């Protein structure tokens, strides 16, 4: 069964039928409305950066506990891909953020218990879509606007002859995006849910006949793990990396398998097309394959940085690891009338 779940909760309106993931209404057919995204104020070309403080800076405030309930989901919508056999993928149209991926009913992605679903703030966890800026940005939100604006469901989920489920999302420039980044663009984001795999296909198009622009792009994948200290990541040996925990110093990775035992915030450059992450859910391995993503970010906030993040539980850092495919060290330069394509495959082994 292919389900398209769109949350249309209004003040004072009761919704009885809700999906089992977030409690949003479940409809037998597509019912969709477009919301106006929010953004910044001043247009400017992108300024590619590699500085990546992954959580909000400043004085720590008291954390509030958020739940997946009616009030939180009121401003958002989700689309559910259901392949059967308890294998599903849930995408929140706020940022086109993948917020759940279940294989045989086992959740593969980490979403913080303090994640905010208010249609404004980036969702802490899942797989946020980072574009056109990576890291702090003078002209808009950190990591760009794509993860904090509402996307369009371009093509509703449909079953392919293989039995796999496909859906397509899109984002185009509008008044809000141009107030931060004054360029025409169109992004298509195609997701395919397979038996034990999740495929991501991205196309960024420049429809202009005269203007060239540059951008960063990254899939900010949060993997769920039982104990991050037992995880190992292959495919990074010999790669240079920018270590953000040491003021951006550049090192070369000497380990065959990278492990996490402290605050880790690294941008590995010119990485191979495949990484294996061991000891994820149920002690299994996750294969990450990527195309046209030359860089790989590895991040875990550890105890101290977790406390600085308002939407991240103090005790959650052992249960997540970010392994992120991106185009960061050098920006993508897109000429008029051309397109950039990249893809990623996550496979439960």
Protein backbone atom coordinates (compact mmCIF):
# COMPACT_ATOMS: atom_id res chain seq x y z
CA UNK A 1 0.00 0.00 0.00
CA UNK A 2 1.26 3.44 -0.93
CA UNK A 3 0.24 6.01 1.67
CA UNK A 4 0.51 9.75 1.34
CA UNK A 5 0.06 11.39 4.72
CA UNK A 6 -0.54 15.12 4.81
CA UNK A 7 -1.10 16.89 8.11
CA UNK A 8 -3.76 19.59 7.79
CA UNK A 9 -4.52 20.20 11.44
CA UNK A 10 -6.20 23.53 12.06
CA UNK A 11 -6.96 25.26 15.33
CA UNK A 12 -10.05 23.67 16.78
CA UNK A 13 -10.28 20.97 14.15
CA UNK A 14 -10.13 17.34 15.25
CA UNK A 15 -8.47 14.72 13.07
CA UNK A 16 -9.29 11.11 13.92
CA UNK A 17 -7.31 9.06 11.36
CA UNK A 18 -3.57 9.46 11.88
CA UNK A 19 -0.47 7.69 10.66
CA UNK A 20 1.46 5.56 13.13
CA UNK A 21 4.72 7.48 12.65
CA UNK A 22 3.91 11.03 13.77
CA UNK A 23 0.18 10.95 14.33
CA UNK A 24 -0.62 12.99 11.24
CA UNK A 25 -3.85 12.30 9.29
CA UNK A 26 -3.79 9.44 6.79
CA UNK A 27 -5.59 9.99 3.48
CA UNK A 28 -6.33 7.34 0.83
CA UNK A 29 -5.31 9.80 -1.89
CA UNK A 30 -3.12 12.86 -2.13
CA UNK A 31 -4.38 16.01 -0.47
CA UNK A 32 -1.74 18.68 -0.53
CA UNK A 33 -1.43 22.36 0.21
CA UNK A 34 1.48 24.70 -0.32
CA UNK A 35 2.76 26.83 2.56
CA UNK A 36 4.89 29.91 2.21
CA UNK A 37 8.45 29.19 3.43
CA UNK A 38 10.28 31.54 5.71
CA UNK A 39 13.67 33.06 5.06
CA UNK A 40 16.13 35.89 5.60
CA UNK A 41 16.39 39.42 4.33
CA UNK A 42 19.42 40.31 2.18
CA UNK A 43 20.37 38.90 -1.25
CA UNK A 44 23.94 37.81 -1.83
CA UNK A 45 25.92 35.24 -3.78
CA UNK A 46 26.96 32.17 -1.78
CA UNK A 47 30.13 32.26 0.25
CA UNK A 48 31.42 28.66 0.39
CA UNK A 49 32.75 27.88 3.85
CA UNK A 50 33.97 24.83 5.66
CA UNK A 51 33.37 26.04 9.21
CA UNK A 52 30.79 23.73 10.67
CA UNK A 53 29.66 24.35 14.22
CA UNK A 54 26.82 21.81 14.05
CA UNK A 55 24.74 23.21 16.87
CA UNK A 56 23.60 26.63 17.91
CA UNK A 57 26.15 28.79 19.66
CA UNK A 58 25.62 31.05 22.62
CA UNK A 59 24.44 30.72 26.16
CA UNK A 60 22.66 27.52 26.95
CA UNK A 61 18.99 27.81 27.76
CA UNK A 62 16.68 25.44 29.53
CA UNK A 63 15.56 22.64 27.22
CA UNK A 64 11.94 21.89 26.58
CA UNK A 65 10.75 18.42 25.75
CA UNK A 66 8.87 18.18 22.45
CA UNK A 67 6.61 15.29 21.47
CA UNK A 68 5.30 14.06 18.12
CA UNK A 69 1.81 15.39 18.72
CA UNK A 70 -0.88 17.49 17.14
CA UNK A 71 0.46 20.86 18.24
CA UNK A 72 3.99 20.16 17.00
CA UNK A 73 2.92 18.70 13.66
CA UNK A 74 0.26 21.32 12.96
CA UNK A 75 2.42 23.32 10.57
CA UNK A 76 4.03 20.38 8.80
CA UNK A 77 3.19 17.51 6.49
CA UNK A 78 4.68 14.08 5.96
CA UNK A 79 4.75 11.69 3.03
CA UNK A 80 5.03 7.97 3.75
CA UNK A 81 6.52 5.43 1.35
CA UNK A 82 5.34 1.94 2.32
CA UNK A 83 6.95 -1.04 0.56
CA UNK A 84 5.28 -3.64 2.73
CA UNK A 85 6.83 -6.03 5.25
CA UNK A 86 7.10 -3.12 7.70
CA UNK A 87 9.58 -1.31 5.45
CA UNK A 88 8.74 2.39 5.24
CA UNK A 89 10.27 5.81 4.68
CA UNK A 90 8.76 9.03 6.01
CA UNK A 91 9.61 12.43 4.54
CA UNK A 92 8.60 15.69 6.19
CA UNK A 93 7.88 18.37 3.58
CA UNK A 94 9.56 20.85 5.89
CA UNK A 95 13.00 20.72 4.33
CA UNK A 96 12.15 17.49 2.49
CA UNK A 97 13.70 15.90 5.57
CA UNK A 98 13.69 12.11 5.76
CA UNK A 99 12.59 11.62 9.37
CA UNK A 100 12.19 7.85 9.44
CA UNK A 101 13.45 4.81 7.55
CA UNK A 102 12.32 1.45 8.83
CA UNK A 103 13.53 -1.89 7.48
CA UNK A 104 11.51 -4.84 8.78
CA UNK A 105 10.15 -2.43 11.39
CA UNK A 106 13.63 -1.49 12.66
CA UNK A 107 14.33 2.24 12.65
CA UNK A 108 17.64 3.08 10.95
CA UNK A 109 17.75 6.84 11.53
CA UNK A 110 18.23 8.90 14.66
CA UNK A 111 15.82 11.74 15.47
CA UNK A 112 16.33 13.57 18.75
CA UNK A 113 13.59 13.36 21.35
CA UNK A 114 13.90 17.17 21.51
CA UNK A 115 13.56 17.71 17.75
CA UNK A 116 11.21 20.58 16.94
CA UNK A 117 8.46 20.08 14.35
CA UNK A 118 7.15 23.63 14.08
CA UNK A 119 7.63 24.25 10.36
CA UNK A 120 10.33 26.84 11.12
CA UNK A 121 13.38 25.24 12.71
CA UNK A 122 15.51 22.58 11.03
CA UNK A 123 14.61 19.09 12.23
CA UNK A 124 17.29 17.62 14.48
CA UNK A 125 17.91 14.20 13.00
CA UNK A 126 16.89 12.04 10.08
CA UNK A 127 18.43 13.28 6.83
CA UNK A 128 18.22 17.07 6.42
CA UNK A 129 19.00 18.55 2.97
CA UNK A 130 21.81 21.14 3.14
CA UNK A 131 21.80 23.76 0.33
CA UNK A 132 23.15 26.23 -0.83
CA UNK A 133 25.48 26.88 2.12
CA UNK A 134 27.35 24.55 4.44
CA UNK A 135 28.05 25.96 7.87
CA UNK A 136 27.42 29.50 9.15
CA UNK A 137 25.96 31.93 6.64
CA UNK A 138 25.82 35.72 6.84
CA UNK A 139 22.75 35.93 4.61
CA UNK A 140 20.49 33.23 6.01
CA UNK A 141 20.24 30.27 8.38
CA UNK A 142 23.16 27.96 9.07
CA UNK A 143 23.46 25.24 6.41
CA UNK A 144 21.32 27.26 4.01
CA UNK A 145 17.58 27.51 3.51
CA UNK A 146 16.69 24.18 1.89
CA UNK A 147 16.25 22.36 5.20
CA UNK A 148 13.96 25.02 6.69
CA UNK A 149 11.53 25.76 3.83
CA UNK A 150 8.59 23.76 2.60
CA UNK A 151 9.17 21.59 -0.46
CA UNK A 152 6.66 20.47 -3.07
CA UNK A 153 5.63 16.86 -3.54
CA UNK A 154 6.28 16.76 -7.28
CA UNK A 155 5.19 13.17 -7.79
CA UNK A 156 3.25 11.19 -5.22
CA UNK A 157 4.61 7.80 -4.12
CA UNK A 158 4.07 5.08 -6.70
CA UNK A 159 5.00 1.43 -6.90
CA UNK A 160 7.53 0.53 -9.57
CA UNK A 161 7.46 -2.79 -11.49
CA UNK A 162 10.21 -3.99 -9.14
CA UNK A 163 7.94 -3.47 -6.14
CA UNK A 164 10.02 -0.54 -4.95
CA UNK A 165 8.34 2.77 -4.02
CA UNK A 166 9.37 6.07 -5.61
CA UNK A 167 8.47 9.69 -4.83
CA UNK A 168 9.82 12.98 -6.17
CA UNK A 169 10.12 16.30 -4.34
CA UNK A 170 11.13 19.70 -5.70
CA UNK A 171 12.20 23.15 -4.63
CA UNK A 172 12.36 26.28 -6.80
CA UNK A 173 13.55 29.79 -6.17
CA UNK A 174 10.92 32.17 -4.90
CA UNK A 175 10.69 35.54 -3.21
CA UNK A 176 11.88 34.09 0.08
CA UNK A 177 14.93 32.26 -1.28
CA UNK A 178 15.90 35.20 -3.48
CA UNK A 179 15.89 37.47 -0.44
CA UNK A 180 18.83 35.40 0.82
CA UNK A 181 20.36 34.03 -2.36
CA UNK A 182 19.39 35.92 -5.48
CA UNK A 183 19.65 33.16 -8.09
CA UNK A 184 17.14 31.14 -10.11
CA UNK A 185 17.31 27.40 -9.46
CA UNK A 186 15.32 24.21 -9.41
CA UNK A 187 16.07 21.10 -7.33
CA UNK A 188 14.53 17.69 -7.90
CA UNK A 189 14.92 15.13 -5.13
CA UNK A 190 13.94 11.57 -6.01
CA UNK A 191 13.72 8.91 -3.32
CA UNK A 192 13.37 5.19 -3.97
CA UNK A 193 12.58 2.77 -1.14
CA UNK A 194 13.82 -0.76 -1.77
CA UNK A 195 13.73 -3.87 0.39
CA UNK A 196 16.90 -3.01 2.32
CA UNK A 197 18.02 0.16 0.55
CA UNK A 198 17.12 3.83 0.35
CA UNK A 199 18.19 5.67 -2.82
CA UNK A 200 18.62 9.43 -3.13
CA UNK A 201 18.90 11.13 -6.54
CA UNK A 202 19.45 14.90 -6.65
CA UNK A 203 19.39 17.27 -9.59
CA UNK A 204 20.19 20.99 -9.28
CA UNK A 205 19.33 23.01 -12.40
CA UNK A 206 20.31 26.53 -13.44
CA UNK A 207 17.55 27.82 -15.76
CA UNK A 208 19.24 31.18 -16.30
CA UNK A 209 20.64 32.11 -19.70
CA UNK A 210 23.23 34.47 -18.23
CA UNK A 211 23.90 33.86 -14.53
CA UNK A 212 26.43 31.42 -13.07
CA UNK A 213 26.17 30.50 -9.40
CA UNK A 214 27.98 28.28 -6.91
CA UNK A 215 26.75 26.27 -3.95
CA UNK A 216 27.43 23.59 -1.36
CA UNK A 217 25.29 20.46 -1.10
CA UNK A 218 25.13 17.78 1.58
CA UNK A 219 22.86 15.02 2.90
CA UNK A 220 23.14 15.33 6.68
CA UNK A 221 22.53 11.67 7.56
CA UNK A 222 21.96 10.81 11.24
CA UNK A 223 22.31 7.06 11.77
CA UNK A 224 20.84 5.37 14.83
CA UNK A 225 23.34 3.24 16.76
CA UNK A 226 23.25 1.35 20.08
CA UNK A 227 26.68 2.68 21.15
CA UNK A 228 28.71 5.07 19.00
CA UNK A 229 31.92 3.93 20.71
CA UNK A 230 31.52 0.54 19.04
CA UNK A 231 31.01 1.96 15.53
CA UNK A 232 33.70 1.80 12.86
CA UNK A 233 33.74 3.71 9.56
CA UNK A 234 35.79 2.42 6.64
CA UNK A 235 36.95 4.18 3.48
CA UNK A 236 38.69 7.14 5.12
CA UNK A 237 42.26 5.84 5.42
CA UNK A 238 44.75 8.21 3.80
CA UNK A 239 42.21 11.01 3.32
CA UNK A 240 42.98 14.52 4.52
CA UNK A 241 40.42 16.07 6.84
CA UNK A 242 39.60 19.43 8.35
CA UNK A 243 39.24 19.00 12.11
CA UNK A 244 36.76 21.57 13.41
CA UNK A 245 37.46 20.53 17.00
CA UNK A 246 41.02 21.82 16.54
CA UNK A 247 40.38 25.20 14.91
CA UNK A 248 40.21 23.79 11.39
CA UNK A 249 43.64 22.15 11.43
CA UNK A 250 44.25 19.74 8.55
CA UNK A 251 45.39 16.17 9.18
CA UNK A 252 45.64 12.89 7.31
CA UNK A 253 43.65 9.89 8.50
CA UNK A 254 45.94 7.00 9.39
CA UNK A 255 43.35 4.51 10.63
CA UNK A 256 41.85 1.79 8.48
CA UNK A 257 38.61 2.17 10.42
CA UNK A 258 37.62 5.43 12.12
CA UNK A 259 36.15 5.18 15.61
CA UNK A 260 34.44 7.80 17.80
CA UNK A 261 35.47 8.30 21.42
CA UNK A 262 35.18 12.08 21.79
CA UNK A 263 33.64 15.17 20.22
CA UNK A 264 34.18 14.63 16.50
CA UNK A 265 33.58 17.17 13.74
CA UNK A 266 35.58 16.41 10.61
CA UNK A 267 35.32 17.14 6.91
CA UNK A 268 37.11 14.35 5.04
CA UNK A 269 38.14 15.44 1.56
CA UNK A 270 38.26 13.49 -1.71
CA UNK A 271 36.81 10.37 -0.13
CA UNK A 272 36.02 7.14 -2.00
CA UNK A 273 32.53 6.29 -3.21
CA UNK A 274 31.80 3.78 -0.45
CA UNK A 275 31.87 3.70 3.34
CA UNK A 276 30.86 0.85 5.64
CA UNK A 277 29.59 1.79 9.09
CA UNK A 278 29.63 -1.17 11.47
CA UNK A 279 27.65 -1.83 14.65
CA UNK A 280 24.60 0.20 13.73
CA UNK A 281 21.06 -1.04 14.51
CA UNK A 282 21.07 -4.62 15.86
CA UNK A 283 24.83 -4.77 15.43
CA UNK A 284 24.55 -4.78 11.66
CA UNK A 285 26.48 -2.85 9.03
CA UNK A 286 25.33 0.05 6.87
CA UNK A 287 26.81 0.64 3.43
CA UNK A 288 26.88 4.24 2.19
CA UNK A 289 27.57 4.67 -1.53
CA UNK A 290 27.81 8.09 -3.12
CA UNK A 291 28.24 9.65 -6.55
CA UNK A 292 29.46 13.20 -7.20
CA UNK A 293 29.83 13.81 -3.47
CA UNK A 294 33.61 14.17 -3.04
CA UNK A 295 33.56 14.86 0.71
CA UNK A 296 32.38 13.02 3.81
CA UNK A 297 31.55 14.65 7.15
CA UNK A 298 31.78 12.62 10.37
CA UNK A 299 30.14 14.23 13.40
CA UNK A 300 29.18 13.41 16.96
CA UNK A 301 28.69 16.20 19.54
CA UNK A 302 29.70 14.08 22.53
CA UNK A 303 28.65 15.16 25.99
CA UNK A 304 29.70 18.81 26.14
CA UNK A 305 28.49 19.90 22.71
CA UNK A 306 25.24 17.97 23.15
CA UNK A 307 24.50 20.18 26.14
CA UNK A 308 24.90 23.27 23.96
CA UNK A 309 22.30 22.10 21.45
CA UNK A 310 18.80 23.18 22.46
CA UNK A 311 17.12 20.46 20.38
CA UNK A 312 19.42 17.58 21.33
CA UNK A 313 19.12 15.51 24.51
CA UNK A 314 22.11 15.59 26.86
CA UNK A 315 22.20 11.79 26.95
CA UNK A 316 21.54 11.07 23.26
CA UNK A 317 25.04 11.35 21.79
CA UNK A 318 25.95 7.64 22.32
CA UNK A 319 23.01 6.61 20.14
CA UNK A 320 23.81 8.48 16.93
CA UNK A 321 26.53 9.05 14.38
CA UNK A 322 26.48 11.39 11.41
CA UNK A 323 28.17 10.18 8.23
CA UNK A 324 27.33 12.78 5.59
CA UNK A 325 27.99 12.79 1.85
CA UNK A 326 28.58 16.26 0.47
CA UNK A 327 30.19 18.65 -1.98
CA UNK A 328 31.93 21.03 0.43
CA UNK A 329 35.68 21.56 0.07
CA UNK A 330 35.13 23.24 -3.27
CA UNK A 331 31.74 24.63 -4.28
CA UNK A 332 29.79 23.38 -7.25
CA UNK A 333 29.90 26.00 -10.02
CA UNK A 334 26.81 25.80 -12.21
CA UNK A 335 26.87 27.54 -15.58
CA UNK A 336 23.72 28.92 -17.25
CA UNK A 337 21.45 26.22 -18.63
CA UNK A 338 23.34 23.36 -16.98
CA UNK A 339 22.59 20.84 -14.24
CA UNK A 340 24.44 19.12 -11.41
CA UNK A 341 23.55 15.60 -10.34
CA UNK A 342 24.53 13.58 -7.29
CA UNK A 343 23.25 10.46 -5.59
CA UNK A 344 23.53 8.36 -2.45
CA UNK A 345 22.50 4.83 -1.53
CA UNK A 346 22.08 3.58 2.02
CA UNK A 347 21.98 -0.20 2.34
CA UNK A 348 21.35 -2.32 5.42
CA UNK A 349 23.77 -5.23 5.18
